[in-house]
Amino acid sequence: MVEIRTVRLMLLTLMFSPTAAFLAELFPAGLRYTGASAAFILANTLGGGFAPRVATWLDSQSSSPLVLGLYTGGLCLVSLACVVALPETREGDFSV
């Protein structure tokens, strides 16, 4: 049981570790902490609030568990589209 939790925590860390650096690069130095935290909190509120409700509704409307997989896959595609649409910050000036 401990091994399973350790692996799950490692995967969670791999998922969330780049998020802080990625969000911080999107904002100028004067707004970096506020912008990154506001973006993170807003995304968690919207995703964490509506996704379970929509999944519960979809599950009640369909007898197939495939619907939930398609919903999750759709959310992954939306996330990928958002990441691709963000600007490249490799050559940006991040000085204060």
N, C-alpha and C. Protein backbone atom coordinates (compact mmCIF):
# COMPACT_ATOMS: atom_id res chain seq x y z
N MET A 1 0.82 -1.19 0.00
CA MET A 1 0.00 0.00 0.00
C MET A 1 0.86 1.26 0.00
N VAL A 2 1.95 1.22 0.76
CA VAL A 2 2.84 2.37 0.81
C VAL A 2 3.50 2.60 -0.55
N GLU A 3 3.84 1.50 -1.22
CA GLU A 3 4.47 1.62 -2.53
C GLU A 3 3.54 2.27 -3.54
N ILE A 4 2.27 1.91 -3.50
CA ILE A 4 1.30 2.49 -4.42
C ILE A 4 1.16 3.98 -4.17
N ARG A 5 1.10 4.37 -2.91
CA ARG A 5 1.00 5.80 -2.58
C ARG A 5 2.25 6.55 -3.02
N THR A 6 3.39 5.93 -2.85
CA THR A 6 4.64 6.58 -3.26
C THR A 6 4.68 6.80 -4.77
N VAL A 7 4.28 5.81 -5.53
CA VAL A 7 4.26 5.94 -6.99
C VAL A 7 3.24 7.01 -7.40
N ARG A 8 2.09 7.02 -6.78
CA ARG A 8 1.08 8.02 -7.11
C ARG A 8 1.57 9.43 -6.79
N LEU A 9 2.23 9.60 -5.67
CA LEU A 9 2.78 10.91 -5.32
C LEU A 9 3.89 11.33 -6.28
N MET A 10 4.69 10.38 -6.72
CA MET A 10 5.73 10.69 -7.69
C MET A 10 5.12 11.16 -9.01
N LEU A 11 4.07 10.48 -9.46
CA LEU A 11 3.40 10.88 -10.70
C LEU A 11 2.74 12.25 -10.55
N LEU A 12 2.15 12.50 -9.39
CA LEU A 12 1.55 13.81 -9.13
C LEU A 12 2.60 14.92 -9.14
N THR A 13 3.76 14.63 -8.58
CA THR A 13 4.85 15.60 -8.58
C THR A 13 5.34 15.86 -9.99
N LEU A 14 5.45 14.83 -10.81
CA LEU A 14 5.87 15.01 -12.20
C LEU A 14 4.86 15.86 -12.97
N MET A 15 3.61 15.78 -12.59
CA MET A 15 2.59 16.54 -13.29
C MET A 15 2.59 18.01 -12.86
N PHE A 16 2.75 18.29 -11.57
CA PHE A 16 2.62 19.65 -11.08
C PHE A 16 3.93 20.42 -10.99
N SER A 17 5.05 19.76 -11.02
CA SER A 17 6.34 20.46 -10.89
C SER A 17 6.57 21.48 -11.99
N PRO A 18 6.37 21.16 -13.26
CA PRO A 18 6.61 22.16 -14.30
C PRO A 18 5.60 23.29 -14.32
N THR A 19 4.46 23.10 -13.67
CA THR A 19 3.40 24.10 -13.72
C THR A 19 3.84 25.44 -13.15
N ALA A 20 4.54 25.42 -12.04
CA ALA A 20 4.96 26.68 -11.40
C ALA A 20 5.90 27.46 -12.30
N ALA A 21 6.87 26.81 -12.88
CA ALA A 21 7.79 27.50 -13.78
C ALA A 21 7.08 27.96 -15.04
N PHE A 22 6.21 27.14 -15.57
CA PHE A 22 5.50 27.48 -16.79
C PHE A 22 4.61 28.70 -16.59
N LEU A 23 3.85 28.73 -15.50
CA LEU A 23 2.97 29.87 -15.24
C LEU A 23 3.76 31.13 -14.95
N ALA A 24 4.86 31.01 -14.22
CA ALA A 24 5.66 32.19 -13.87
C ALA A 24 6.26 32.85 -15.11
N GLU A 25 6.60 32.06 -16.11
CA GLU A 25 7.19 32.61 -17.33
C GLU A 25 6.20 33.41 -18.17
N LEU A 26 4.92 33.25 -17.93
CA LEU A 26 3.92 33.93 -18.74
C LEU A 26 3.69 35.38 -18.34
N PHE A 27 4.21 35.80 -17.21
CA PHE A 27 3.93 37.13 -16.70
C PHE A 27 5.21 37.92 -16.52
N PRO A 28 5.14 39.26 -16.68
CA PRO A 28 6.32 40.08 -16.42
C PRO A 28 6.67 40.06 -14.94
N ALA A 29 7.89 40.47 -14.62
CA ALA A 29 8.41 40.34 -13.25
C ALA A 29 7.52 41.00 -12.21
N GLY A 30 6.95 42.15 -12.52
CA GLY A 30 6.12 42.86 -11.56
C GLY A 30 4.81 42.16 -11.23
N LEU A 31 4.35 41.32 -12.12
CA LEU A 31 3.08 40.61 -11.92
C LEU A 31 3.24 39.11 -11.77
N ARG A 32 4.45 38.65 -11.67
CA ARG A 32 4.72 37.21 -11.76
C ARG A 32 3.99 36.40 -10.69
N TYR A 33 4.13 36.76 -9.43
CA TYR A 33 3.50 35.97 -8.37
C TYR A 33 1.99 36.08 -8.41
N THR A 34 1.49 37.29 -8.60
CA THR A 34 0.04 37.48 -8.64
C THR A 34 -0.56 36.78 -9.85
N GLY A 35 0.05 36.95 -11.01
CA GLY A 35 -0.48 36.33 -12.22
C GLY A 35 -0.44 34.82 -12.17
N ALA A 36 0.66 34.28 -11.70
CA ALA A 36 0.79 32.81 -11.64
C ALA A 36 -0.19 32.22 -10.63
N SER A 37 -0.30 32.85 -9.48
CA SER A 37 -1.21 32.30 -8.46
C SER A 37 -2.67 32.47 -8.88
N ALA A 38 -3.01 33.61 -9.49
CA ALA A 38 -4.39 33.81 -9.94
C ALA A 38 -4.75 32.81 -11.04
N ALA A 39 -3.85 32.58 -11.96
CA ALA A 39 -4.11 31.61 -13.03
C ALA A 39 -4.28 30.20 -12.46
N PHE A 40 -3.42 29.84 -11.52
CA PHE A 40 -3.48 28.50 -10.93
C PHE A 40 -4.77 28.30 -10.14
N ILE A 41 -5.13 29.30 -9.31
CA ILE A 41 -6.33 29.19 -8.49
C ILE A 41 -7.59 29.19 -9.35
N LEU A 42 -7.63 30.04 -10.37
CA LEU A 42 -8.80 30.08 -11.25
C LEU A 42 -8.96 28.76 -12.00
N ALA A 43 -7.87 28.23 -12.50
CA ALA A 43 -7.95 26.94 -13.21
C ALA A 43 -8.39 25.82 -12.29
N ASN A 44 -7.89 25.80 -11.06
CA ASN A 44 -8.30 24.76 -10.12
C ASN A 44 -9.75 24.91 -9.71
N THR A 45 -10.20 26.14 -9.56
CA THR A 45 -11.59 26.37 -9.18
C THR A 45 -12.54 25.94 -10.29
N LEU A 46 -12.25 26.36 -11.50
CA LEU A 46 -13.13 25.99 -12.62
C LEU A 46 -13.05 24.50 -12.93
N GLY A 47 -11.84 23.98 -13.04
CA GLY A 47 -11.69 22.56 -13.36
C GLY A 47 -12.14 21.66 -12.23
N GLY A 48 -11.78 22.02 -11.02
CA GLY A 48 -12.14 21.19 -9.86
C GLY A 48 -13.59 21.32 -9.47
N GLY A 49 -14.24 22.40 -9.88
CA GLY A 49 -15.64 22.60 -9.52
C GLY A 49 -16.61 22.02 -10.52
N PHE A 50 -16.33 22.25 -11.80
CA PHE A 50 -17.29 21.83 -12.82
C PHE A 50 -17.05 20.43 -13.36
N ALA A 51 -15.82 19.99 -13.42
CA ALA A 51 -15.53 18.68 -14.01
C ALA A 51 -16.24 17.53 -13.28
N PRO A 52 -16.21 17.48 -11.94
CA PRO A 52 -16.93 16.39 -11.27
C PRO A 52 -18.45 16.46 -11.48
N ARG A 53 -18.99 17.67 -11.54
CA ARG A 53 -20.43 17.79 -11.76
C ARG A 53 -20.81 17.29 -13.16
N VAL A 54 -20.04 17.70 -14.14
CA VAL A 54 -20.31 17.25 -15.51
C VAL A 54 -20.13 15.74 -15.63
N ALA A 55 -19.08 15.21 -15.00
CA ALA A 55 -18.85 13.76 -15.04
C ALA A 55 -19.99 13.00 -14.36
N THR A 56 -20.49 13.52 -13.26
CA THR A 56 -21.61 12.87 -12.57
C THR A 56 -22.85 12.90 -13.44
N TRP A 57 -23.10 14.03 -14.08
CA TRP A 57 -24.25 14.14 -14.96
C TRP A 57 -24.12 13.19 -16.15
N LEU A 58 -22.95 13.15 -16.76
CA LEU A 58 -22.73 12.24 -17.89
C LEU A 58 -22.92 10.78 -17.48
N ASP A 59 -22.44 10.45 -16.29
CA ASP A 59 -22.57 9.07 -15.81
C ASP A 59 -24.04 8.71 -15.57
N SER A 60 -24.81 9.68 -15.10
CA SER A 60 -26.24 9.40 -14.85
C SER A 60 -27.03 9.32 -16.16
N GLN A 61 -26.55 9.96 -17.22
CA GLN A 61 -27.27 9.97 -18.50
C GLN A 61 -26.89 8.81 -19.41
N SER A 62 -25.78 8.15 -19.13
CA SER A 62 -25.31 7.09 -20.00
C SER A 62 -25.05 5.82 -19.20
N SER A 63 -25.25 4.69 -19.85
CA SER A 63 -24.97 3.42 -19.17
C SER A 63 -23.56 2.92 -19.46
N SER A 64 -22.84 3.61 -20.34
CA SER A 64 -21.51 3.17 -20.73
C SER A 64 -20.43 3.98 -20.00
N PRO A 65 -19.45 3.29 -19.42
CA PRO A 65 -18.35 4.02 -18.78
C PRO A 65 -17.42 4.68 -19.81
N LEU A 66 -17.60 4.34 -21.08
CA LEU A 66 -16.80 4.94 -22.14
C LEU A 66 -17.03 6.45 -22.23
N VAL A 67 -18.22 6.90 -21.85
CA VAL A 67 -18.55 8.32 -21.90
C VAL A 67 -17.61 9.12 -20.99
N LEU A 68 -17.32 8.59 -19.83
CA LEU A 68 -16.42 9.29 -18.91
C LEU A 68 -15.00 9.33 -19.45
N GLY A 69 -14.59 8.28 -20.12
CA GLY A 69 -13.27 8.28 -20.75
C GLY A 69 -13.19 9.29 -21.89
N LEU A 70 -14.25 9.38 -22.67
CA LEU A 70 -14.29 10.38 -23.75
C LEU A 70 -14.29 11.79 -23.19
N TYR A 71 -15.01 11.99 -22.10
CA TYR A 71 -15.03 13.31 -21.45
C TYR A 71 -13.63 13.68 -20.95
N THR A 72 -12.97 12.74 -20.30
CA THR A 72 -11.61 12.99 -19.82
C THR A 72 -10.66 13.26 -20.97
N GLY A 73 -10.77 12.47 -22.03
CA GLY A 73 -9.95 12.70 -23.22
C GLY A 73 -10.21 14.06 -23.84
N GLY A 74 -11.46 14.48 -23.87
CA GLY A 74 -11.80 15.80 -24.38
C GLY A 74 -11.19 16.91 -23.56
N LEU A 75 -11.21 16.75 -22.24
CA LEU A 75 -10.57 17.74 -21.37
C LEU A 75 -9.06 17.79 -21.60
N CYS A 76 -8.46 16.64 -21.85
CA CYS A 76 -7.03 16.60 -22.16
C CYS A 76 -6.73 17.33 -23.46
N LEU A 77 -7.58 17.18 -24.45
CA LEU A 77 -7.39 17.88 -25.72
C LEU A 77 -7.54 19.39 -25.56
N VAL A 78 -8.50 19.82 -24.74
CA VAL A 78 -8.65 21.25 -24.46
C VAL A 78 -7.40 21.78 -23.77
N SER A 79 -6.87 21.04 -22.81
CA SER A 79 -5.64 21.45 -22.12
C SER A 79 -4.47 21.54 -23.08
N LEU A 80 -4.35 20.56 -23.95
CA LEU A 80 -3.27 20.58 -24.94
C LEU A 80 -3.40 21.78 -25.88
N ALA A 81 -4.61 22.08 -26.31
CA ALA A 81 -4.82 23.23 -27.19
C ALA A 81 -4.44 24.53 -26.49
N CYS A 82 -4.75 24.64 -25.21
CA CYS A 82 -4.39 25.84 -24.45
C CYS A 82 -2.88 25.98 -24.32
N VAL A 83 -2.20 24.90 -24.03
CA VAL A 83 -0.74 24.95 -23.89
C VAL A 83 -0.09 25.31 -25.22
N VAL A 84 -0.58 24.74 -26.31
CA VAL A 84 -0.01 25.04 -27.63
C VAL A 84 -0.26 26.50 -28.01
N ALA A 85 -1.39 27.06 -27.59
CA ALA A 85 -1.73 28.45 -27.95
C ALA A 85 -0.94 29.48 -27.14
N LEU A 86 -0.34 29.08 -26.03
CA LEU A 86 0.42 30.04 -25.23
C LEU A 86 1.72 30.42 -25.93
N PRO A 87 2.21 31.64 -25.66
CA PRO A 87 3.42 32.09 -26.35
C PRO A 87 4.67 31.36 -25.86
N GLU A 88 5.65 31.24 -26.75
CA GLU A 88 6.95 30.67 -26.39
C GLU A 88 7.73 31.72 -25.62
N THR A 89 8.32 31.33 -24.50
CA THR A 89 9.02 32.29 -23.63
C THR A 89 10.52 32.01 -23.57
N ARG A 90 11.02 31.19 -24.45
CA ARG A 90 12.43 30.79 -24.40
C ARG A 90 13.37 32.00 -24.50
N GLU A 91 13.07 32.94 -25.36
CA GLU A 91 13.95 34.09 -25.57
C GLU A 91 13.55 35.31 -24.74
N GLY A 92 12.62 35.14 -23.82
CA GLY A 92 12.11 36.27 -23.04
C GLY A 92 13.11 36.80 -22.02
N ASP A 93 12.95 38.06 -21.64
CA ASP A 93 13.76 38.67 -20.60
C ASP A 93 13.02 38.56 -19.27
N PHE A 94 13.57 37.79 -18.35
CA PHE A 94 12.90 37.54 -17.08
C PHE A 94 13.51 38.31 -15.92
N SER A 95 14.29 39.33 -16.23
CA SER A 95 14.93 40.11 -15.16
C SER A 95 13.91 41.00 -14.47
N VAL A 96 14.24 41.35 -13.27
CA VAL A 96 13.32 42.16 -12.46
C VAL A 96 13.42 43.60 -12.81
